[in-house]
Amino acid sequence: MNFKKILFLMVTGVSITSLGIAGCTPQGTDLEAGTQPSTLTGQTETETPAATTPTTQPQERPGDVPYVPTPQPVVDAMLQVAKVGKNDVLYDLGSGDGRIVNTAAQKFGTRGVGIDINPERIQEANENAQKAGVTDRVKFVQQDLFTTDFSEATVVTLYLLPEVNAKLRPKLLSELKPGTRIVSHAFDMGDWKPQQTLNVEGKTIYYWVVPENVPANLR
């Protein structure tokens, strides 16, 4: 008799405990979808870990230029000559590890967009943005330079190659608003003469401003 009573109490206790746990689990929680209860992970019921959101895709074609980072002193000079500020939107074409966009956001509060075709560079740039604490001001997009819309930009930076600059020039002049500043590390834009040329630690920087009326020979 005592054995049956003990067995009954054990079974009843387990059932009550199970009901208690189920009652404490937030309704609608989907563990398989990556949403975790706050009592287990410290996250809110609706948070999804960032790692579940893909930020890159397979590279669609080979890049136009090899990856060579711009030295930080040159980055600083490029941003200074363009007079970037918190009201600017900076597009870096071929953004690599994101240092131009991230530096502009960190030093001047500039909103920035980095464009690169290489998914490894996009991942690296996003990691660097997190380290710099500027993810609220910048984003990095895996796209082809020749199909990207630059029209939002007030400043454009680039470190490409002469032939790529020449191919890109008509697109820049047709999409960018008059007054938009363009800064290039190392390479010019052919017969579009720069308004200013700088030399920083043996590196050349070219600076242009998009004119109100673009000459036909530059389009």
Protein backbone atom coordinates (compact mmCIF):
# COMPACT_ATOMS: atom_id res chain seq x y z
CA MET A 1 0.00 0.00 0.00
CA ASN A 2 2.78 2.41 0.94
CA PHE A 3 4.60 1.56 -2.28
CA LYS A 4 1.51 2.43 -4.38
CA LYS A 5 1.07 5.75 -2.59
CA ILE A 6 4.70 6.66 -3.14
CA LEU A 7 4.47 5.69 -6.82
CA PHE A 8 1.29 7.78 -7.21
CA LEU A 9 2.92 10.83 -5.64
CA MET A 10 6.02 10.48 -7.85
CA VAL A 11 3.93 10.33 -11.02
CA THR A 12 1.75 13.25 -9.92
CA GLY A 13 4.79 15.33 -8.99
CA VAL A 14 6.42 14.81 -12.36
CA SER A 15 3.26 15.78 -14.19
CA ILE A 16 2.86 18.98 -12.14
CA THR A 17 6.49 19.93 -12.69
CA SER A 18 6.14 19.38 -16.44
CA LEU A 19 3.09 21.59 -16.54
CA GLY A 20 4.93 24.26 -14.57
CA ILE A 21 7.82 24.38 -17.07
CA ALA A 22 5.46 24.51 -20.02
CA GLY A 23 3.57 27.36 -18.41
CA CYS A 24 6.77 29.42 -18.01
CA THR A 25 7.80 29.07 -21.64
CA PRO A 26 6.71 32.18 -23.66
CA GLN A 27 3.87 31.44 -26.03
CA GLY A 28 4.87 31.47 -29.67
CA THR A 29 8.57 30.78 -28.92
CA ASP A 30 10.10 28.94 -31.88
CA LEU A 31 13.38 27.39 -30.83
CA GLU A 32 14.00 25.84 -34.25
CA ALA A 33 13.81 29.26 -35.89
CA GLY A 34 16.63 30.57 -33.69
CA THR A 35 14.49 32.44 -31.14
CA GLN A 36 15.56 31.72 -27.57
CA PRO A 37 13.65 32.24 -24.30
CA SER A 38 15.16 35.04 -22.23
CA THR A 39 15.43 32.74 -19.19
CA LEU A 40 17.92 30.56 -21.06
CA THR A 41 20.07 33.00 -23.03
CA GLY A 42 19.43 36.52 -21.78
CA GLN A 43 17.94 37.45 -25.16
CA THR A 44 14.42 38.78 -25.53
CA GLU A 45 11.83 36.42 -26.89
CA THR A 46 11.95 38.01 -30.36
CA GLU A 47 15.71 38.38 -30.82
CA THR A 48 17.40 36.32 -33.50
CA PRO A 49 21.18 35.82 -33.42
CA ALA A 50 22.91 37.92 -36.08
CA ALA A 51 24.82 34.88 -37.30
CA THR A 52 21.60 33.41 -38.75
CA THR A 53 21.30 36.29 -41.23
CA PRO A 54 23.54 35.84 -44.30
CA THR A 55 25.33 39.04 -45.41
CA THR A 56 27.16 37.66 -48.43
CA GLN A 57 26.53 35.51 -51.46
CA PRO A 58 28.76 33.67 -53.95
CA GLN A 59 30.91 36.06 -55.96
CA GLU A 60 29.23 36.62 -59.32
CA ARG A 61 32.37 37.38 -61.34
CA PRO A 62 36.08 38.11 -60.82
CA GLY A 63 36.87 41.53 -59.38
CA ASP A 64 38.20 44.34 -61.56
CA VAL A 65 41.18 45.12 -59.33
CA PRO A 66 43.36 43.23 -56.83
CA TYR A 67 42.79 43.96 -53.17
CA VAL A 68 45.41 46.42 -51.90
CA PRO A 69 44.43 48.40 -48.77
CA THR A 70 44.81 52.20 -48.80
CA PRO A 71 47.31 53.28 -46.10
CA GLN A 72 45.60 55.00 -43.18
CA PRO A 73 47.40 58.36 -43.68
CA VAL A 74 46.08 58.39 -47.25
CA VAL A 75 42.58 57.53 -46.02
CA ASP A 76 42.73 60.47 -43.62
CA ALA A 77 43.93 62.85 -46.35
CA MET A 78 41.20 61.68 -48.76
CA LEU A 79 38.51 62.43 -46.21
CA GLN A 80 40.06 65.79 -45.35
CA VAL A 81 40.31 67.01 -48.94
CA ALA A 82 36.65 66.05 -49.50
CA LYS A 83 35.68 67.83 -46.28
CA VAL A 84 33.39 64.98 -45.23
CA GLY A 85 30.95 65.67 -42.41
CA LYS A 86 28.02 64.21 -40.51
CA ASN A 87 25.56 65.29 -43.19
CA ASP A 88 27.38 63.48 -46.00
CA VAL A 89 26.68 60.09 -47.51
CA LEU A 90 29.95 58.50 -48.56
CA TYR A 91 30.15 55.67 -51.09
CA ASP A 92 33.45 53.79 -51.25
CA LEU A 93 33.77 51.85 -54.49
CA GLY A 94 35.82 48.73 -53.95
CA SER A 95 35.63 49.15 -50.19
CA GLY A 96 37.93 46.28 -49.22
CA ASP A 97 38.24 45.99 -45.45
CA GLY A 98 35.98 49.02 -45.01
CA ARG A 99 38.58 51.38 -43.58
CA ILE A 100 37.53 54.49 -45.54
CA VAL A 101 33.84 54.15 -44.67
CA ASN A 102 34.54 53.17 -41.07
CA THR A 103 37.05 55.98 -40.54
CA ALA A 104 34.62 58.58 -41.91
CA ALA A 105 31.88 57.33 -39.58
CA GLN A 106 34.16 57.16 -36.56
CA LYS A 107 35.88 60.53 -37.00
CA PHE A 108 33.18 62.66 -38.62
CA GLY A 109 29.87 60.87 -38.02
CA THR A 110 29.47 60.33 -41.76
CA ARG A 111 26.96 57.81 -43.05
CA GLY A 112 28.68 55.44 -45.45
CA VAL A 113 28.14 52.61 -47.90
CA GLY A 114 30.93 50.30 -48.98
CA ILE A 115 30.57 48.42 -52.28
CA ASP A 116 32.67 45.35 -53.02
CA ILE A 117 32.17 42.29 -55.19
CA ASN A 118 34.20 40.00 -52.93
CA PRO A 119 32.21 38.35 -50.09
CA GLU A 120 35.35 37.95 -47.97
CA ARG A 121 35.93 41.70 -48.04
CA ILE A 122 32.31 42.38 -47.09
CA GLN A 123 32.58 40.06 -44.11
CA GLU A 124 35.87 41.65 -43.05
CA ALA A 125 34.46 45.17 -43.43
CA ASN A 126 31.43 44.32 -41.28
CA GLU A 127 33.68 42.86 -38.58
CA ASN A 128 35.81 46.02 -38.62
CA ALA A 129 32.68 48.19 -38.38
CA GLN A 130 31.63 46.28 -35.26
CA LYS A 131 35.08 46.76 -33.72
CA ALA A 132 34.93 50.49 -34.52
CA GLY A 133 31.42 50.80 -33.08
CA VAL A 134 29.94 52.36 -36.23
CA THR A 135 27.45 49.75 -37.41
CA ASP A 136 24.64 52.27 -36.92
CA ARG A 137 26.25 54.58 -39.51
CA VAL A 138 27.59 52.24 -42.18
CA LYS A 139 26.68 49.28 -44.33
CA PHE A 140 28.62 47.12 -46.76
CA VAL A 141 26.97 45.75 -49.87
CA GLN A 142 28.22 42.93 -52.09
CA GLN A 143 27.55 44.33 -55.55
CA ASP A 144 29.09 44.99 -58.95
CA LEU A 145 30.31 48.61 -59.21
CA PHE A 146 28.89 48.93 -62.69
CA THR A 147 25.33 48.02 -61.64
CA THR A 148 25.22 49.89 -58.32
CA ASP A 149 23.15 53.06 -57.92
CA PHE A 150 25.42 55.84 -56.58
CA SER A 151 22.87 58.66 -56.82
CA GLU A 152 22.49 59.02 -53.02
CA ALA A 153 26.20 59.79 -52.56
CA THR A 154 27.53 63.24 -51.70
CA VAL A 155 31.11 61.91 -51.57
CA VAL A 156 32.61 59.03 -53.57
CA THR A 157 36.00 57.47 -52.84
CA LEU A 158 37.84 54.92 -54.94
CA TYR A 159 41.12 53.08 -55.32
CA LEU A 160 40.75 51.15 -58.55
CA LEU A 161 42.81 51.20 -61.79
CA PRO A 162 43.06 53.75 -64.65
CA GLU A 163 41.00 51.64 -67.05
CA VAL A 164 38.34 51.00 -64.41
CA ASN A 165 38.17 54.71 -63.55
CA ALA A 166 37.76 55.52 -67.24
CA LYS A 167 34.96 52.98 -67.62
CA LEU A 168 33.26 54.20 -64.45
CA ARG A 169 33.52 57.93 -65.19
CA PRO A 170 30.43 58.28 -67.44
CA LYS A 171 28.30 56.45 -64.86
CA LEU A 172 29.54 58.68 -62.05
CA LEU A 173 28.94 61.88 -64.01
CA SER A 174 25.46 60.82 -65.08
CA GLU A 175 24.24 59.54 -61.70
CA LEU A 176 25.86 61.89 -59.19
CA LYS A 177 24.37 65.25 -58.32
CA PRO A 178 26.30 68.45 -59.14
CA GLY A 179 28.58 69.30 -56.25
CA THR A 180 29.30 65.68 -55.33
CA ARG A 181 32.95 65.23 -54.39
CA ILE A 182 35.04 62.40 -55.83
CA VAL A 183 38.40 61.35 -54.41
CA SER A 184 40.68 58.75 -55.97
CA HIS A 185 43.79 57.18 -54.53
CA ALA A 186 46.63 56.74 -57.05
CA PHE A 187 44.74 57.00 -60.37
CA ASP A 188 43.14 59.87 -62.28
CA MET A 189 40.13 60.05 -64.61
CA GLY A 190 41.84 60.53 -67.94
CA ASP A 191 41.06 63.88 -69.55
CA TRP A 192 38.80 64.93 -66.66
CA LYS A 193 41.34 67.14 -64.92
CA PRO A 194 41.25 67.09 -61.10
CA GLN A 195 40.58 70.26 -59.16
CA GLN A 196 43.24 69.32 -56.66
CA THR A 197 46.13 66.85 -56.47
CA LEU A 198 47.85 65.88 -53.23
CA ASN A 199 50.90 63.83 -52.38
CA VAL A 200 50.81 61.93 -49.10
CA GLU A 201 53.71 59.70 -48.14
CA GLY A 202 54.57 59.14 -51.78
CA LYS A 203 50.93 58.39 -52.75
CA THR A 204 48.91 60.61 -55.07
CA ILE A 205 45.34 61.69 -54.31
CA TYR A 206 43.05 63.21 -56.96
CA TYR A 207 40.01 65.35 -56.13
CA TRP A 208 37.10 66.40 -58.37
CA VAL A 209 33.70 68.03 -57.93
CA VAL A 210 30.88 67.01 -60.27
CA PRO A 211 30.05 70.09 -62.38
CA GLU A 212 26.61 71.54 -63.02
CA ASN A 213 27.01 71.00 -66.76
CA VAL A 214 29.13 67.98 -67.67
CA PRO A 215 31.09 68.48 -70.93
CA ALA A 216 30.08 66.05 -73.66
CA ASN A 217 33.63 64.69 -73.99
CA LEU A 218 33.53 63.44 -70.38
CA ARG A 219 30.28 61.51 -70.61
